[in-house]
């Protein structure tokens, strides 16, 4: 796993940990990418013209895109983000080319997200924001991941107002035992940064009350104690 230097000596005070973000992104795709990429196969074909279009163009195009993306995914998992974006090797296309050359497929859409996370890891935050905003997620969990990644990108740009906005979207979209408390804690840390102690305490208490067994819930007491001490 690649490492990244932190601007603070205390890891628990770091607002954005890109390594942690990437780990969550990889775990997310490991669990859900086949559902996303297989969404086209679940379409209900209502009319003959659309039926023909889907079978003779869209589905083959989707399958080809998935095959092309395999090598880029391998490079992504190896933390080789530049190669994943542009030249994964073996004659396969990177996420950037896939997003352009297979427009209209679920794979091309997913490549936008991969590209955004790759740029996030590379420290190219404006590019990360552009690709993440272009990504069109489905369901409940996936939009939360997108909003959270956007929050991380804006936080790295020191645009904490936008970061707070996106973290709040992430925490309120598709409530999830792991993702929701993770982004709630980032909201609390931003409140602390702004010396908004009451708001920070409220968020941390919500994690303690609603998600006590989550990874973030299990150590939330130290954040509560710190915020209460600073409030005085």
Protein backbone atom coordinates (compact mmCIF):
# COMPACT_ATOMS: atom_id res chain seq x y z
CA UNK A 1 0.00 0.00 0.00
CA UNK A 2 1.41 3.37 -0.95
CA UNK A 3 1.94 5.89 1.83
CA UNK A 4 1.49 9.62 1.89
CA UNK A 5 3.10 12.28 4.11
CA UNK A 6 0.68 14.03 6.44
CA UNK A 7 0.81 17.74 7.22
CA UNK A 8 0.06 17.06 10.92
CA UNK A 9 2.00 14.94 13.37
CA UNK A 10 -1.22 13.57 14.81
CA UNK A 11 -3.12 11.29 12.46
CA UNK A 12 -6.38 11.72 14.35
CA UNK A 13 -6.28 15.46 13.66
CA UNK A 14 -5.79 15.13 9.90
CA UNK A 15 -8.88 16.29 8.08
CA UNK A 16 -8.29 14.30 4.93
CA UNK A 17 -6.38 11.02 4.74
CA UNK A 18 -6.08 10.14 1.05
CA UNK A 19 -4.76 6.66 1.82
CA UNK A 20 -7.89 5.92 3.84
CA UNK A 21 -10.06 7.33 1.07
CA UNK A 22 -8.42 5.07 -1.49
CA UNK A 23 -8.79 2.01 0.69
CA UNK A 24 -12.51 2.65 1.02
CA UNK A 25 -12.84 3.23 -2.71
CA UNK A 26 -11.10 -0.05 -3.50
CA UNK A 27 -13.23 -1.97 -0.99
CA UNK A 28 -16.35 -0.37 -2.40
CA UNK A 29 -15.57 -1.37 -5.96
CA UNK A 30 -14.57 -4.87 -4.90
CA UNK A 31 -18.05 -5.32 -3.50
CA UNK A 32 -20.22 -3.40 -5.96
CA UNK A 33 -18.48 -2.95 -9.31
CA UNK A 34 -20.08 -6.01 -10.91
CA UNK A 35 -23.51 -4.74 -9.91
CA UNK A 36 -22.76 -1.39 -11.51
CA UNK A 37 -21.18 -2.80 -14.63
CA UNK A 38 -23.98 -5.32 -15.01
CA UNK A 39 -26.73 -2.72 -14.82
CA UNK A 40 -27.20 -2.68 -18.58
CA UNK A 41 -28.09 -6.37 -18.51
CA UNK A 42 -30.98 -5.63 -16.18
CA UNK A 43 -32.67 -3.19 -18.54
CA UNK A 44 -36.23 -4.00 -19.52
CA UNK A 45 -36.39 -3.89 -23.30
CA UNK A 46 -39.73 -2.42 -24.21
CA UNK A 47 -39.62 -1.63 -27.90
CA UNK A 48 -38.09 -3.38 -30.87
CA UNK A 49 -35.86 -0.51 -31.97
CA UNK A 50 -34.41 -0.07 -28.52
CA UNK A 51 -34.11 -3.85 -28.22
CA UNK A 52 -32.01 -3.96 -31.38
CA UNK A 53 -29.89 -1.01 -30.31
CA UNK A 54 -29.20 -2.54 -26.92
CA UNK A 55 -28.37 -6.01 -28.17
CA UNK A 56 -26.36 -5.13 -31.25
CA UNK A 57 -24.60 -2.01 -30.04
CA UNK A 58 -24.86 -1.08 -26.40
CA UNK A 59 -24.30 -4.46 -24.72
CA UNK A 60 -21.33 -5.40 -26.96
CA UNK A 61 -19.93 -1.92 -26.40
CA UNK A 62 -20.32 -2.36 -22.65
CA UNK A 63 -18.65 -5.76 -22.70
CA UNK A 64 -15.74 -4.40 -24.72
CA UNK A 65 -15.35 -1.49 -22.31
CA UNK A 66 -15.30 -3.83 -19.31
CA UNK A 67 -12.62 -5.94 -20.96
CA UNK A 68 -10.58 -2.83 -21.75
CA UNK A 69 -10.84 -1.58 -18.18
CA UNK A 70 -9.50 -4.74 -16.55
CA UNK A 71 -5.83 -3.78 -16.83
CA UNK A 72 -6.48 -0.24 -15.62
CA UNK A 73 -8.21 -1.66 -12.55
CA UNK A 74 -5.15 -3.79 -11.82
CA UNK A 75 -2.91 -0.73 -11.98
CA UNK A 76 -5.34 1.16 -9.75
CA UNK A 77 -5.19 -1.56 -7.13
CA UNK A 78 -1.39 -1.39 -7.27
CA UNK A 79 -1.52 2.35 -6.58
CA UNK A 80 -0.12 2.97 -10.08
CA UNK A 81 -2.58 5.76 -10.69
CA UNK A 82 -0.84 7.47 -13.60
CA UNK A 83 -0.65 4.19 -15.51
CA UNK A 84 -4.27 3.43 -14.65
CA UNK A 85 -5.31 6.76 -16.11
CA UNK A 86 -3.38 6.72 -19.37
CA UNK A 87 -1.37 3.59 -20.11
CA UNK A 88 -2.07 0.46 -18.06
CA UNK A 89 -0.06 -1.71 -20.44
CA UNK A 90 -0.76 -4.69 -22.65
CA UNK A 91 -2.39 -2.54 -25.28
CA UNK A 92 -5.34 -1.77 -23.00
CA UNK A 93 -6.87 1.65 -22.56
CA UNK A 94 -6.67 3.72 -19.40
CA UNK A 95 -9.63 5.21 -17.57
CA UNK A 96 -9.40 8.48 -19.48
CA UNK A 97 -9.66 6.85 -22.91
CA UNK A 98 -12.38 4.46 -21.75
CA UNK A 99 -14.49 7.33 -20.44
CA UNK A 100 -14.25 8.99 -23.87
CA UNK A 101 -14.29 6.04 -26.26
CA UNK A 102 -17.17 4.14 -24.66
CA UNK A 103 -19.52 6.97 -23.78
CA UNK A 104 -23.03 5.78 -23.05
CA UNK A 105 -21.92 2.62 -21.28
CA UNK A 106 -21.91 1.93 -17.57
CA UNK A 107 -18.21 1.09 -17.81
CA UNK A 108 -17.37 4.51 -19.24
CA UNK A 109 -19.35 6.13 -16.44
CA UNK A 110 -17.53 4.04 -13.85
CA UNK A 111 -14.20 4.97 -15.45
CA UNK A 112 -15.00 8.60 -14.57
CA UNK A 113 -15.12 7.66 -10.90
CA UNK A 114 -11.91 5.66 -11.11
CA UNK A 115 -10.28 8.63 -12.83
CA UNK A 116 -11.48 10.99 -10.12
CA UNK A 117 -10.12 8.80 -7.32
CA UNK A 118 -6.85 8.35 -9.21
CA UNK A 119 -6.39 12.10 -9.57
CA UNK A 120 -7.29 12.50 -5.89
CA UNK A 121 -4.44 10.16 -4.97
CA UNK A 122 -2.08 11.98 -7.33
CA UNK A 123 -2.84 15.32 -5.68
CA UNK A 124 -4.45 16.79 -8.80
CA UNK A 125 -7.55 17.99 -7.04
CA UNK A 126 -9.13 20.13 -9.77
CA UNK A 127 -9.00 17.19 -12.18
CA UNK A 128 -10.40 14.91 -9.48
CA UNK A 129 -13.32 17.28 -8.96
CA UNK A 130 -14.05 17.51 -12.69
CA UNK A 131 -14.19 13.75 -13.17
CA UNK A 132 -16.09 13.04 -9.97
CA UNK A 133 -18.71 15.63 -10.87
CA UNK A 134 -19.09 14.04 -14.31
CA UNK A 135 -19.71 10.61 -12.78
CA UNK A 136 -23.40 9.67 -12.56
CA UNK A 137 -23.89 7.25 -9.69
CA UNK A 138 -26.87 5.01 -9.06
CA UNK A 139 -28.45 3.67 -5.88
CA UNK A 140 -27.75 4.94 -2.39
CA UNK A 141 -24.22 3.95 -1.38
CA UNK A 142 -22.46 5.00 -4.58
CA UNK A 143 -23.63 8.64 -4.49
CA UNK A 144 -22.39 8.87 -0.90
CA UNK A 145 -18.95 7.70 -2.01
CA UNK A 146 -18.91 10.29 -4.78
CA UNK A 147 -19.92 13.13 -2.44
CA UNK A 148 -17.35 12.04 0.13
CA UNK A 149 -14.55 11.97 -2.42
CA UNK A 150 -15.54 15.46 -3.59
CA UNK A 151 -15.40 16.59 0.01
CA UNK A 152 -11.88 15.21 0.31
CA UNK A 153 -10.77 16.98 -2.87
CA UNK A 154 -12.14 20.33 -1.72
CA UNK A 155 -10.67 19.87 1.74
CA UNK A 156 -7.23 19.29 0.21
CA UNK A 157 -7.73 22.57 -1.68
CA UNK A 158 -8.47 24.25 1.66
CA UNK A 159 -11.98 25.05 0.45
CA UNK A 160 -13.55 23.91 3.69
CA UNK A 161 -16.95 25.39 2.97
CA UNK A 162 -17.39 23.18 -0.10
CA UNK A 163 -15.83 20.26 1.74
CA UNK A 164 -18.38 20.59 4.54
CA UNK A 165 -21.22 20.74 2.03
CA UNK A 166 -20.15 17.54 0.30
CA UNK A 167 -19.42 15.69 3.54
CA UNK A 168 -22.93 16.51 4.70
CA UNK A 169 -24.31 15.14 1.42
CA UNK A 170 -22.22 12.00 1.86
CA UNK A 171 -23.41 11.47 5.42
CA UNK A 172 -27.09 11.99 4.59
CA UNK A 173 -27.22 9.98 1.36
CA UNK A 174 -28.00 6.28 1.65
CA UNK A 175 -27.36 5.93 5.39
CA UNK A 176 -24.79 3.17 5.86
CA UNK A 177 -23.24 1.74 9.04
CA UNK A 178 -19.70 2.24 7.76
CA UNK A 179 -19.82 5.20 5.40
CA UNK A 180 -22.19 7.49 7.33
CA UNK A 181 -20.20 7.68 10.59
CA UNK A 182 -16.96 8.03 8.61
CA UNK A 183 -18.17 11.23 6.99
CA UNK A 184 -19.97 12.44 10.09
CA UNK A 185 -16.62 12.38 11.86
CA UNK A 186 -15.08 14.52 9.11
CA UNK A 187 -17.95 16.98 9.56
CA UNK A 188 -17.19 17.09 13.26
CA UNK A 189 -13.50 17.69 12.60
CA UNK A 190 -14.32 20.58 10.29
CA UNK A 191 -16.57 22.05 12.98
CA UNK A 192 -13.62 21.77 15.38
CA UNK A 193 -11.40 23.55 12.88
CA UNK A 194 -13.93 26.39 12.84
CA UNK A 195 -14.10 26.39 16.65
CA UNK A 196 -17.77 25.37 16.41
CA UNK A 197 -17.60 23.20 19.47
CA UNK A 198 -21.34 22.71 20.03
CA UNK A 199 -21.81 21.48 16.45
CA UNK A 200 -18.79 19.19 16.71
CA UNK A 201 -20.07 17.69 19.94
CA UNK A 202 -23.52 17.17 18.41
CA UNK A 203 -22.07 15.28 15.44
CA UNK A 204 -19.77 13.15 17.56
CA UNK A 205 -22.65 12.34 19.91
CA UNK A 206 -24.73 11.25 16.91
CA UNK A 207 -21.99 8.81 15.95
CA UNK A 208 -21.82 7.52 19.51
CA UNK A 209 -25.59 7.06 19.76
CA UNK A 210 -26.36 5.68 16.29
CA UNK A 211 -23.19 3.93 15.18
CA UNK A 212 -21.42 2.75 18.36
CA UNK A 213 -20.08 -0.47 16.81
CA UNK A 214 -18.74 1.13 13.62
CA UNK A 215 -14.97 1.62 13.26
CA UNK A 216 -15.42 5.36 13.83
CA UNK A 217 -17.95 4.85 16.62
CA UNK A 218 -15.62 2.69 18.66
CA UNK A 219 -13.12 5.52 19.22
CA UNK A 220 -15.46 8.51 19.07
CA UNK A 221 -15.22 9.17 22.82
CA UNK A 222 -11.78 10.75 22.45
CA UNK A 223 -13.20 13.22 19.91
CA UNK A 224 -16.10 14.03 22.21
CA UNK A 225 -13.77 14.58 25.16
CA UNK A 226 -11.49 16.80 23.09
CA UNK A 227 -14.34 18.95 21.75
CA UNK A 228 -15.91 19.29 25.20
CA UNK A 229 -12.56 20.28 26.72
CA UNK A 230 -11.97 22.93 24.06
CA UNK A 231 -15.48 24.26 24.49
CA UNK A 232 -14.74 24.79 28.16
